[in-house]
C-alpha atoms as a PDB file:
ATOM      1  CA  MET A   1     -20.165  -1.702  18.204  1.00  0.00           C
ATOM      2  CA  PRO A   2     -23.099  -1.427  15.602  1.00  0.00           C
ATOM      3  CA  ARG A   3     -20.892   1.233  13.671  1.00  0.00           C
ATOM      4  CA  VAL A   4     -17.904  -1.262  13.367  1.00  0.00           C
ATOM      5  CA  LYS A   5     -20.214  -4.078  12.111  1.00  0.00           C
ATOM      6  CA  SER A   6     -21.762  -1.809   9.442  1.00  0.00           C
ATOM      7  CA  LEU A   7     -18.517  -0.178   8.408  1.00  0.00           C
ATOM      8  CA  PRO A   8     -17.267  -2.781   5.847  1.00  0.00           C
ATOM      9  CA  THR A   9     -20.598  -2.631   3.950  1.00  0.00           C
ATOM     10  CA  GLY A  10     -20.717   1.142   3.878  1.00  0.00           C
ATOM     11  CA  ILE A  11     -17.105   1.214   2.659  1.00  0.00           C
ATOM     12  CA  GLU A  12     -17.667  -1.343  -0.160  1.00  0.00           C
ATOM     13  CA  ASP A  13     -20.836   0.448  -1.390  1.00  0.00           C
ATOM     14  CA  SER A  14     -18.919   3.635  -1.582  1.00  0.00           C
ATOM     15  CA  LEU A  15     -16.030   1.996  -3.426  1.00  0.00           C
ATOM     16  CA  VAL A  16     -18.449   0.297  -5.967  1.00  0.00           C
ATOM     17  CA  GLU A  17     -20.042   3.751  -6.772  1.00  0.00           C
ATOM     18  CA  ALA A  18     -16.513   5.391  -7.207  1.00  0.00           C
ATOM     19  CA  ILE A  19     -15.294   2.651  -9.478  1.00  0.00           C
ATOM     20  CA  GLU A  20     -18.466   2.867 -11.569  1.00  0.00           C
ATOM     21  CA  ARG A  21     -17.709   6.374 -12.428  1.00  0.00           C
ATOM     22  CA  LEU A  22     -14.320   5.636 -13.715  1.00  0.00           C
ATOM     23  CA  ASP A  23     -13.288   5.522 -17.472  1.00  0.00           C
ATOM     24  CA  GLN A  24     -11.720   2.043 -16.973  1.00  0.00           C
ATOM     25  CA  PRO A  25     -10.587   1.511 -20.628  1.00  0.00           C
ATOM     26  CA  ASP A  26      -8.719   4.871 -20.560  1.00  0.00           C
ATOM     27  CA  ILE A  27      -7.147   4.047 -17.203  1.00  0.00           C
ATOM     28  CA  HIS A  28      -6.214   0.622 -18.447  1.00  0.00           C
ATOM     29  CA  ARG A  29      -4.473   2.092 -21.414  1.00  0.00           C
ATOM     30  CA  ALA A  30      -2.606   4.663 -19.307  1.00  0.00           C
ATOM     31  CA  TYR A  31      -1.400   1.903 -16.961  1.00  0.00           C
ATOM     32  CA  TRP A  32       0.109  -0.161 -19.653  1.00  0.00           C
ATOM     33  CA  ASP A  33       1.500   2.906 -21.633  1.00  0.00           C
ATOM     34  CA  GLN A  34       3.410   3.745 -18.379  1.00  0.00           C
ATOM     35  CA  ASN A  35       4.973   0.432 -17.907  1.00  0.00           C
ATOM     36  CA  GLU A  36       2.399  -0.778 -15.324  1.00  0.00           C
ATOM     37  CA  PHE A  37       1.975   2.475 -13.429  1.00  0.00           C
ATOM     38  CA  VAL A  38      -1.011   4.811 -13.051  1.00  0.00           C
ATOM     39  CA  LEU A  39      -2.057   7.833 -10.905  1.00  0.00           C
ATOM     40  CA  LEU A  40      -5.738   8.130  -9.943  1.00  0.00           C
ATOM     41  CA  GLU A  41      -6.435  11.452  -8.148  1.00  0.00           C
ATOM     42  CA  GLY A  42      -9.219  11.473  -5.598  1.00  0.00           C
ATOM     43  CA  LEU A  43     -10.463   7.918  -6.240  1.00  0.00           C
ATOM     44  CA  ILE A  44     -11.152   6.993  -2.785  1.00  0.00           C
ATOM     45  CA  PRO A  45     -14.393   8.736  -1.386  1.00  0.00           C
ATOM     46  CA  ARG A  46     -14.055  11.189   1.404  1.00  0.00           C
ATOM     47  CA  SER A  47     -16.293   9.155   3.658  1.00  0.00           C
ATOM     48  CA  VAL A  48     -13.749   6.203   3.445  1.00  0.00           C
ATOM     49  CA  ILE A  49     -10.852   8.523   4.000  1.00  0.00           C
ATOM     50  CA  GLU A  50     -12.493  10.060   7.093  1.00  0.00           C
ATOM     51  CA  ALA A  51     -12.978   6.566   8.654  1.00  0.00           C
ATOM     52  CA  CYS A  52      -9.232   5.809   7.863  1.00  0.00           C
ATOM     53  CA  LEU A  53      -8.184   9.179   9.467  1.00  0.00           C
ATOM     54  CA  LEU A  54      -9.789   8.102  12.746  1.00  0.00           C
ATOM     55  CA  GLU A  55      -7.821   4.880  12.683  1.00  0.00           C
ATOM     56  CA  ILE A  56      -4.436   6.420  11.981  1.00  0.00           C
ATOM     57  CA  GLU A  57      -4.628   8.197  15.282  1.00  0.00           C
ATOM     58  CA  GLN A  58      -5.675   5.098  17.164  1.00  0.00           C
ATOM     59  CA  VAL A  59      -2.733   2.995  15.925  1.00  0.00           C
ATOM     60  CA  GLU A  60      -0.062   5.682  16.452  1.00  0.00           C
ATOM     61  CA  PRO A  61       1.077   4.027  19.670  1.00  0.00           C
ATOM     62  CA  ASP A  62       2.142   1.054  17.525  1.00  0.00           C
ATOM     63  CA  ILE A  63       4.277   2.953  15.164  1.00  0.00           C
ATOM     64  CA  HIS A  64       7.829   1.491  14.845  1.00  0.00           C
ATOM     65  CA  ARG A  65      10.449   4.136  13.892  1.00  0.00           C
ATOM     66  CA  ASN A  66      13.117   2.819  11.607  1.00  0.00           C
ATOM     67  CA  TYR A  67      16.357   4.214  10.190  1.00  0.00           C
ATOM     68  CA  VAL A  68      18.459   2.685   7.440  1.00  0.00           C
ATOM     69  CA  PRO A  69      21.534   4.919   6.914  1.00  0.00           C
ATOM     70  CA  GLY A  70      21.592   6.279   3.373  1.00  0.00           C
ATOM     71  CA  HIS A  71      18.281   4.949   2.353  1.00  0.00           C
ATOM     72  CA  LYS A  72      15.338   5.462   4.690  1.00  0.00           C
ATOM     73  CA  GLN A  73      13.845   7.032   7.827  1.00  0.00           C
ATOM     74  CA  GLY A  74      10.254   6.986   9.025  1.00  0.00           C
ATOM     75  CA  GLY A  75       7.594   5.078  10.944  1.00  0.00           C
ATOM     76  CA  SER A  76       5.588   1.951  10.027  1.00  0.00           C
ATOM     77  CA  VAL A  77       2.505   0.115  11.222  1.00  0.00           C
ATOM     78  CA  SER A  78       2.120  -3.495  10.071  1.00  0.00           C
ATOM     79  CA  SER A  79      -0.853  -5.356   8.810  1.00  0.00           C
ATOM     80  CA  TYR A  80      -0.965  -7.242  12.175  1.00  0.00           C
ATOM     81  CA  VAL A  81      -1.929  -4.070  13.973  1.00  0.00           C
ATOM     82  CA  ILE A  82      -4.329  -2.947  11.328  1.00  0.00           C
ATOM     83  CA  ARG A  83      -6.085  -6.338  11.391  1.00  0.00           C
ATOM     84  CA  GLU A  84      -6.711  -5.844  15.158  1.00  0.00           C
ATOM     85  CA  LYS A  85      -7.311  -2.135  15.382  1.00  0.00           C
ATOM     86  CA  ALA A  86      -8.324  -0.569  12.011  1.00  0.00           C
ATOM     87  CA  PRO A  87     -11.577  -2.183  10.602  1.00  0.00           C
ATOM     88  CA  ALA A  88     -11.953   0.504   7.896  1.00  0.00           C
ATOM     89  CA  MET A  89      -8.520   0.060   6.466  1.00  0.00           C
ATOM     90  CA  LEU A  90      -8.978  -3.585   6.608  1.00  0.00           C
ATOM     91  CA  ALA A  91     -12.270  -3.281   4.776  1.00  0.00           C
ATOM     92  CA  LEU A  92     -10.569  -1.152   2.142  1.00  0.00           C
ATOM     93  CA  TYR A  93      -7.780  -3.752   1.623  1.00  0.00           C
ATOM     94  CA  ARG A  94     -10.173  -6.667   1.516  1.00  0.00           C
ATOM     95  CA  SER A  95     -12.702  -4.893  -0.851  1.00  0.00           C
ATOM     96  CA  SER A  96     -13.902  -7.146  -3.653  1.00  0.00           C
ATOM     97  CA  ALA A  97     -14.752  -4.217  -5.707  1.00  0.00           C
ATOM     98  CA  LEU A  98     -11.222  -2.761  -5.500  1.00  0.00           C
ATOM     99  CA  ARG A  99      -9.598  -6.159  -6.107  1.00  0.00           C
ATOM    100  CA  THR A 100     -11.807  -6.749  -9.194  1.00  0.00           C
ATOM    101  CA  PHE A 101     -10.848  -3.279 -10.579  1.00  0.00           C
ATOM    102  CA  PHE A 102      -7.118  -4.011  -9.926  1.00  0.00           C
ATOM    103  CA  SER A 103      -7.378  -7.419 -11.638  1.00  0.00           C
ATOM    104  CA  ARG A 104      -8.826  -5.806 -14.661  1.00  0.00           C
ATOM    105  CA  LEU A 105      -6.209  -3.126 -14.594  1.00  0.00           C
ATOM    106  CA  VAL A 106      -3.261  -5.580 -14.568  1.00  0.00           C
ATOM    107  CA  ASP A 107      -4.849  -8.317 -16.662  1.00  0.00           C
ATOM    108  CA  ALA A 108      -4.268 -10.930 -13.990  1.00  0.00           C
ATOM    109  CA  PRO A 109      -6.395 -12.454 -11.084  1.00  0.00           C
ATOM    110  CA  LEU A 110      -5.111 -10.995  -7.876  1.00  0.00           C
ATOM    111  CA  MET A 111      -5.065 -12.381  -4.354  1.00  0.00           C
ATOM    112  CA  LEU A 112      -4.674 -10.868  -0.906  1.00  0.00           C
ATOM    113  CA  CYS A 113      -1.189 -11.523   0.576  1.00  0.00           C
ATOM    114  CA  PRO A 114      -0.939 -14.315   3.242  1.00  0.00           C
ATOM    115  CA  GLU A 115      -1.920 -13.180   6.823  1.00  0.00           C
ATOM    116  CA  ASP A 116       1.721 -13.384   7.908  1.00  0.00           C
ATOM    117  CA  ASP A 117       2.885 -10.713   5.470  1.00  0.00           C
ATOM    118  CA  PRO A 118       3.192  -7.402   7.481  1.00  0.00           C
ATOM    119  CA  HIS A 119       3.205  -5.388   4.234  1.00  0.00           C
ATOM    120  CA  ALA A 120      -0.127  -6.715   3.101  1.00  0.00           C
ATOM    121  CA  CYS A 121      -1.888  -3.604   4.418  1.00  0.00           C
ATOM    122  CA  ALA A 122       0.381  -1.268   6.162  1.00  0.00           C
ATOM    123  CA  LEU A 123       0.685   2.483   7.130  1.00  0.00           C
ATOM    124  CA  TYR A 124       3.824   4.582   6.553  1.00  0.00           C
ATOM    125  CA  TYR A 125       4.205   7.730   8.681  1.00  0.00           C
ATOM    126  CA  TYR A 126       6.454  10.577   7.662  1.00  0.00           C
ATOM    127  CA  THR A 127       6.269  12.769  10.847  1.00  0.00           C
ATOM    128  CA  LYS A 128       9.933  13.864  11.594  1.00  0.00           C
ATOM    129  CA  PRO A 129      12.040  16.164   9.443  1.00  0.00           C
ATOM    130  CA  GLY A 130      14.125  14.214   6.991  1.00  0.00           C
ATOM    131  CA  ASP A 131      11.832  11.240   6.891  1.00  0.00           C
ATOM    132  CA  HIS A 132      12.235   9.685   3.420  1.00  0.00           C
ATOM    133  CA  ILE A 133      12.928   6.606   1.432  1.00  0.00           C
ATOM    134  CA  GLY A 134      15.526   6.275  -1.406  1.00  0.00           C
ATOM    135  CA  PHE A 135      14.882   4.859  -4.817  1.00  0.00           C
ATOM    136  CA  HIS A 136      13.905   1.190  -4.776  1.00  0.00           C
ATOM    137  CA  TYR A 137      11.595  -1.366  -6.416  1.00  0.00           C
ATOM    138  CA  ASP A 138       8.924  -3.111  -4.380  1.00  0.00           C
ATOM    139  CA  THR A 139      10.543  -6.395  -5.269  1.00  0.00           C
ATOM    140  CA  SER A 140       8.374  -9.469  -5.242  1.00  0.00           C
ATOM    141  CA  TYR A 141       9.702 -12.350  -3.206  1.00  0.00           C
ATOM    142  CA  TYR A 142       6.640 -14.296  -4.107  1.00  0.00           C
ATOM    143  CA  LYS A 143       6.640 -16.864  -6.895  1.00  0.00           C
ATOM    144  CA  GLY A 144       4.239 -14.531  -8.840  1.00  0.00           C
ATOM    145  CA  ALA A 145       3.997 -10.803  -9.314  1.00  0.00           C
ATOM    146  CA  ARG A 146       3.405  -8.348  -6.545  1.00  0.00           C
ATOM    147  CA  TYR A 147       1.391  -5.125  -7.046  1.00  0.00           C
ATOM    148  CA  THR A 148       1.520  -2.001  -4.835  1.00  0.00           C
ATOM    149  CA  VAL A 149      -1.372   0.322  -4.200  1.00  0.00           C
ATOM    150  CA  LEU A 150      -0.560   3.641  -2.368  1.00  0.00           C
ATOM    151  CA  ILE A 151      -3.326   5.736  -0.934  1.00  0.00           C
ATOM    152  CA  GLY A 152      -2.852   9.229   0.434  1.00  0.00           C
ATOM    153  CA  LEU A 153      -4.339   9.804   3.958  1.00  0.00           C
ATOM    154  CA  VAL A 154      -2.409  12.851   5.264  1.00  0.00           C
ATOM    155  CA  GLU A 155      -0.590  15.380   3.012  1.00  0.00           C
ATOM    156  CA  GLN A 156       0.632  18.348   5.128  1.00  0.00           C
ATOM    157  CA  SER A 157       3.845  18.871   3.207  1.00  0.00           C
ATOM    158  CA  GLU A 158       5.371  20.947   0.535  1.00  0.00           C
ATOM    159  CA  HIS A 159       8.601  18.866   0.426  1.00  0.00           C
ATOM    160  CA  CYS A 160       7.759  15.256   0.914  1.00  0.00           C
ATOM    161  CA  ARG A 161       6.772  13.748  -2.540  1.00  0.00           C
ATOM    162  CA  LEU A 162       6.412  10.361  -4.158  1.00  0.00           C
ATOM    163  CA  VAL A 163       8.908  10.357  -7.014  1.00  0.00           C
ATOM    164  CA  ALA A 164       8.091   7.903  -9.845  1.00  0.00           C
ATOM    165  CA  ARG A 165      10.371   7.094 -12.576  1.00  0.00           C
ATOM    166  CA  VAL A 166       8.363   5.593 -15.389  1.00  0.00           C
ATOM    167  CA  HIS A 167       9.984   3.358 -17.927  1.00  0.00           C
ATOM    168  CA  LYS A 168      13.018   2.620 -15.843  1.00  0.00           C
ATOM    169  CA  GLY A 169      15.332   0.355 -17.705  1.00  0.00           C
ATOM    170  CA  LYS A 170      14.429   1.644 -21.143  1.00  0.00           C
ATOM    171  CA  ALA A 171      16.250   4.224 -23.223  1.00  0.00           C
ATOM    172  CA  PRO A 172      17.076   7.323 -21.147  1.00  0.00           C
ATOM    173  CA  THR A 173      14.955   9.528 -23.337  1.00  0.00           C
ATOM    174  CA  GLU A 174      11.865   7.379 -22.524  1.00  0.00           C
ATOM    175  CA  ILE A 175      12.264   7.713 -18.754  1.00  0.00           C
ATOM    176  CA  SER A 176      10.088  10.416 -17.246  1.00  0.00           C
ATOM    177  CA  GLU A 177      10.096  11.436 -13.596  1.00  0.00           C
ATOM    178  CA  THR A 178       6.872  12.538 -11.839  1.00  0.00           C
ATOM    179  CA  ARG A 179       6.710  14.048  -8.447  1.00  0.00           C
ATOM    180  CA  ILE A 180       3.333  13.356  -6.855  1.00  0.00           C
ATOM    181  CA  PRO A 181       1.612  14.990  -3.836  1.00  0.00           C
ATOM    182  CA  MET A 182      -0.396  12.113  -2.339  1.00  0.00           C
ATOM    183  CA  GLU A 183      -3.554  14.156  -1.402  1.00  0.00           C
ATOM    184  CA  PRO A 184      -6.228  12.362   0.643  1.00  0.00           C
ATOM    185  CA  GLY A 185      -7.913   9.836  -1.626  1.00  0.00           C
ATOM    186  CA  THR A 186      -5.293   9.958  -4.304  1.00  0.00           C
ATOM    187  CA  MET A 187      -4.046   6.512  -5.363  1.00  0.00           C
ATOM    188  CA  VAL A 188      -1.094   5.139  -7.444  1.00  0.00           C
ATOM    189  CA  VAL A 189      -1.068   1.531  -8.600  1.00  0.00           C
ATOM    190  CA  PHE A 190       1.971  -0.149 -10.018  1.00  0.00           C
ATOM    191  CA  ASN A 191       3.864  -3.405 -10.528  1.00  0.00           C
ATOM    192  CA  GLY A 192       6.354  -3.673  -7.663  1.00  0.00           C
ATOM    193  CA  ASP A 193       9.162  -5.001  -9.940  1.00  0.00           C
ATOM    194  CA  LYS A 194       8.751  -2.286 -12.580  1.00  0.00           C
ATOM    195  CA  LEU A 195       8.459   1.180 -10.965  1.00  0.00           C
ATOM    196  CA  TRP A 196      11.730   2.816  -9.608  1.00  0.00           C
ATOM    197  CA  HIS A 197      10.447   5.084  -7.021  1.00  0.00           C
ATOM    198  CA  ALA A 198      11.397   7.204  -3.859  1.00  0.00           C
ATOM    199  CA  VAL A 199      10.016   9.629  -1.309  1.00  0.00           C
ATOM    200  CA  THR A 200      11.712  13.000  -0.788  1.00  0.00           C
ATOM    201  CA  PRO A 201      12.585  14.165   2.738  1.00  0.00           C
ATOM    202  CA  LEU A 202      10.013  15.659   4.852  1.00  0.00           C
ATOM    203  CA  GLY A 203      10.386  19.229   5.924  1.00  0.00           C
ATOM    204  CA  ALA A 204       9.948  20.817   9.472  1.00  0.00           C
ATOM    205  CA  GLN A 205       6.525  20.844  11.029  1.00  0.00           C
ATOM    206  CA  GLU A 206       5.162  18.750   8.161  1.00  0.00           C
ATOM    207  CA  ARG A 207       3.258  15.410   8.178  1.00  0.00           C
ATOM    208  CA  ARG A 208       2.478  12.665   5.741  1.00  0.00           C
ATOM    209  CA  VAL A 209       0.691   9.419   6.205  1.00  0.00           C
ATOM    210  CA  ILE A 210       0.308   6.767   3.415  1.00  0.00           C
ATOM    211  CA  LEU A 211      -1.676   3.564   3.338  1.00  0.00           C
ATOM    212  CA  THR A 212      -0.204   0.821   1.192  1.00  0.00           C
ATOM    213  CA  LEU A 213      -1.972  -2.362   0.048  1.00  0.00           C
ATOM    214  CA  GLN A 214      -0.298  -5.236  -1.592  1.00  0.00           C
ATOM    215  CA  TYR A 215      -1.770  -7.851  -3.963  1.00  0.00           C
ATOM    216  CA  VAL A 216      -0.056 -10.928  -5.483  1.00  0.00           C
ATOM    217  CA  THR A 217      -0.852 -13.495  -8.186  1.00  0.00           C
ATOM    218  CA  ASP A 218       0.745 -16.353  -6.241  1.00  0.00           C
ATOM    219  CA  GLN A 219       0.761 -16.616  -2.501  1.00  0.00           C
ATOM    220  CA  ARG A 220       3.770 -18.940  -2.304  1.00  0.00           C
ATOM    221  CA  MET A 221       7.354 -17.899  -1.388  1.00  0.00           C
ATOM    222  CA  GLY A 222      10.486 -20.075  -1.304  1.00  0.00           C
ATOM    223  CA  PRO A 223      12.255 -20.662   2.057  1.00  0.00           C
ATOM    224  CA  LEU A 224      15.381 -18.488   1.227  1.00  0.00           C
ATOM    225  CA  LYS A 225      13.319 -15.595  -0.087  1.00  0.00           C
ATOM    226  CA  LYS A 226      11.048 -15.874   2.967  1.00  0.00           C
ATOM    227  CA  LEU A 227      14.017 -15.671   5.289  1.00  0.00           C
ATOM    228  CA  PHE A 228      15.390 -12.527   3.499  1.00  0.00           C
ATOM    229  CA  SER A 229      11.968 -10.891   3.479  1.00  0.00           C
ATOM    230  CA  ASN A 230      11.554 -11.560   7.188  1.00  0.00           C
ATOM    231  CA  MET A 231      14.984 -10.098   7.967  1.00  0.00           C
ATOM    232  CA  LYS A 232      14.210  -7.007   5.826  1.00  0.00           C
ATOM    233  CA  ASP A 233      10.910  -6.488   7.518  1.00  0.00           C
ATOM    234  CA  ALA A 234      12.319  -6.823  11.020  1.00  0.00           C
ATOM    235  CA  PHE A 235      15.241  -4.366  10.594  1.00  0.00           C
ATOM    236  CA  ALA A 236      13.946  -1.871   7.983  1.00  0.00           C
ATOM    237  CA  TYR A 237      10.248  -1.686   8.698  1.00  0.00           C
ATOM    238  CA  PHE A 238       8.361  -3.200  11.615  1.00  0.00           C
ATOM    239  CA  GLY A 239      10.970  -4.349  14.164  1.00  0.00           C
ATOM    240  CA  PRO A 240      11.787  -7.795  15.369  1.00  0.00           C
ATOM    241  CA  ALA A 241       9.199  -7.760  18.085  1.00  0.00           C
ATOM    242  CA  ALA A 242       6.288  -7.296  15.667  1.00  0.00           C
ATOM    243  CA  LEU A 243       7.464 -10.230  13.563  1.00  0.00           C
ATOM    244  CA  MET A 244       7.717 -12.411  16.642  1.00  0.00           C
ATOM    245  CA  HIS A 245       3.957 -12.098  17.140  1.00  0.00           C
ATOM    246  CA  ARG A 246       2.942 -12.473  13.552  1.00  0.00           C
ATOM    247  CA  PRO A 247       0.027 -14.845  12.707  1.00  0.00           C
ATOM    248  CA  LYS A 248       0.841 -18.359  11.422  1.00  0.00           C
ATOM    249  CA  SER A 249       0.815 -18.387   7.537  1.00  0.00           C
ATOM    250  CA  LYS A 250      -2.265 -20.095   6.130  1.00  0.00           C
ATOM    251  CA  GLN A 251      -1.580 -22.145   3.019  1.00  0.00           C
ATOM    252  CA  THR A 252      -4.030 -21.411   0.245  1.00  0.00           C
ATOM    253  CA  SER A 253      -5.919 -24.561  -0.748  1.00  0.00           C
ATOM    254  CA  ILE A 254      -7.206 -25.483  -4.279  1.00  0.00           C
ATOM    255  CA  ASN A 255     -10.697 -24.645  -3.191  1.00  0.00           C
ATOM    256  CA  ASP A 256      -9.559 -21.246  -1.725  1.00  0.00           C
ATOM    257  CA  ARG A 257      -7.948 -20.310  -5.024  1.00  0.00           C
ATOM    258  CA  ALA A 258     -11.069 -21.215  -6.835  1.00  0.00           C
ATOM    259  CA  MET A 259     -13.211 -18.994  -4.568  1.00  0.00           C
ATOM    260  CA  ILE A 260     -10.692 -16.096  -4.972  1.00  0.00           C
ATOM    261  CA  ARG A 261     -10.829 -16.335  -8.773  1.00  0.00           C
ATOM    262  CA  SER A 262     -14.613 -16.508  -8.808  1.00  0.00           C
ATOM    263  CA  ASP A 263     -14.836 -13.477  -6.468  1.00  0.00           C
ATOM    264  CA  ILE A 264     -12.690 -11.276  -8.670  1.00  0.00           C
ATOM    265  CA  MET A 265     -14.235 -12.349 -11.972  1.00  0.00           C
ATOM    266  CA  ILE A 266     -17.925 -11.768 -11.415  1.00  0.00           C
ATOM    267  CA  ASP A 267     -19.364 -10.333 -14.757  1.00  0.00           C
ATOM    268  CA  HIS A 268     -15.829  -9.966 -16.135  1.00  0.00           C
ATOM    269  CA  PRO A 269     -15.486 -12.589 -18.967  1.00  0.00           C
ATOM    270  CA  THR A 270     -12.156 -11.290 -20.173  1.00  0.00           C
ATOM    271  CA  LEU A 271     -10.622 -12.346 -16.915  1.00  0.00           C
ATOM    272  CA  GLN A 272     -12.169 -15.908 -17.212  1.00  0.00           C
ATOM    273  CA  PHE A 273      -9.682 -16.680 -19.997  1.00  0.00           C
ATOM    274  CA  LEU A 274      -6.744 -15.220 -18.080  1.00  0.00           C
ATOM    275  CA  ALA A 275      -7.673 -16.973 -14.924  1.00  0.00           C
ATOM    276  CA  GLY A 276      -7.906 -20.375 -16.891  1.00  0.00           C
ATOM    277  CA  ALA A 277      -4.364 -19.907 -18.159  1.00  0.00           C
ATOM    278  CA  TRP A 278      -3.087 -18.791 -14.758  1.00  0.00           C
ATOM    279  CA  SER A 279      -4.741 -21.743 -13.079  1.00  0.00           C
ATOM    280  CA  ALA A 280      -3.241 -24.334 -15.413  1.00  0.00           C
ATOM    281  CA  SER A 281       0.100 -22.790 -14.875  1.00  0.00           C
ATOM    282  CA  HIS A 282      -0.287 -22.464 -11.171  1.00  0.00           C
ATOM    283  CA  ASP A 283      -1.472 -26.082 -10.714  1.00  0.00           C
ATOM    284  CA  ARG A 284       1.301 -27.513 -12.933  1.00  0.00           C
ATOM    285  CA  ASP A 285       3.927 -25.678 -10.840  1.00  0.00           C
ATOM    286  CA  SER A 286       2.328 -26.766  -7.421  1.00  0.00           C
END
């Protein structure tokens, strides 16, 4: 038990050190030059990855296998399970150091997803030959933008690769395709509505496990989009049973939003202006 209690602090300290070593202005330029997409190799420290590797074995009994003909095949573990059984991954998702870094990167104050969102912090297992997912956007059903962070945990494959098509929607000559091996600790960050991406099929006797983190600029979601999102999650990702036991959504209060904004803007004056503009817009639309 003492190890579990000290785990979040150790992870946060490791992440702070890793982020301090980054050339953040250069990464920021690369992110925007590539239409809100950036690859960061080996960002997550080995000690944090090792803690997560222990947990991916512990949650394997909770994997839901899914198959959507012509589009996807694989296994998923929802944020509900991670919240109960994987404190290292949860600490990684909730890290204020990481969220501050991401907020600076995307030029917007980011929030965690509501607790009833099974994608907030989820695992994707590619463990059977042919496991893959076709080209898609991580469409935001929220009223604001949704940002995806993928972190490699297990990469034991020569065939299964993240395929990212940068600048999708612009002139064909400006679209570049990148095939990325997600080695342990490697991270990609992108705006879910802008990156056209896929995962190529897994080969025989191969294995790949990815942790995904989702952040939003507005936790609200309209009732029709909420219904559609729930149906997609039930049948394409986590199964109806998982969603029947999801936690009740907690509405973010004005005080909660103020605390979130304060948390991600410590010693970052540039974001104070952004947050002020965002707050005025958000409160006007509430």
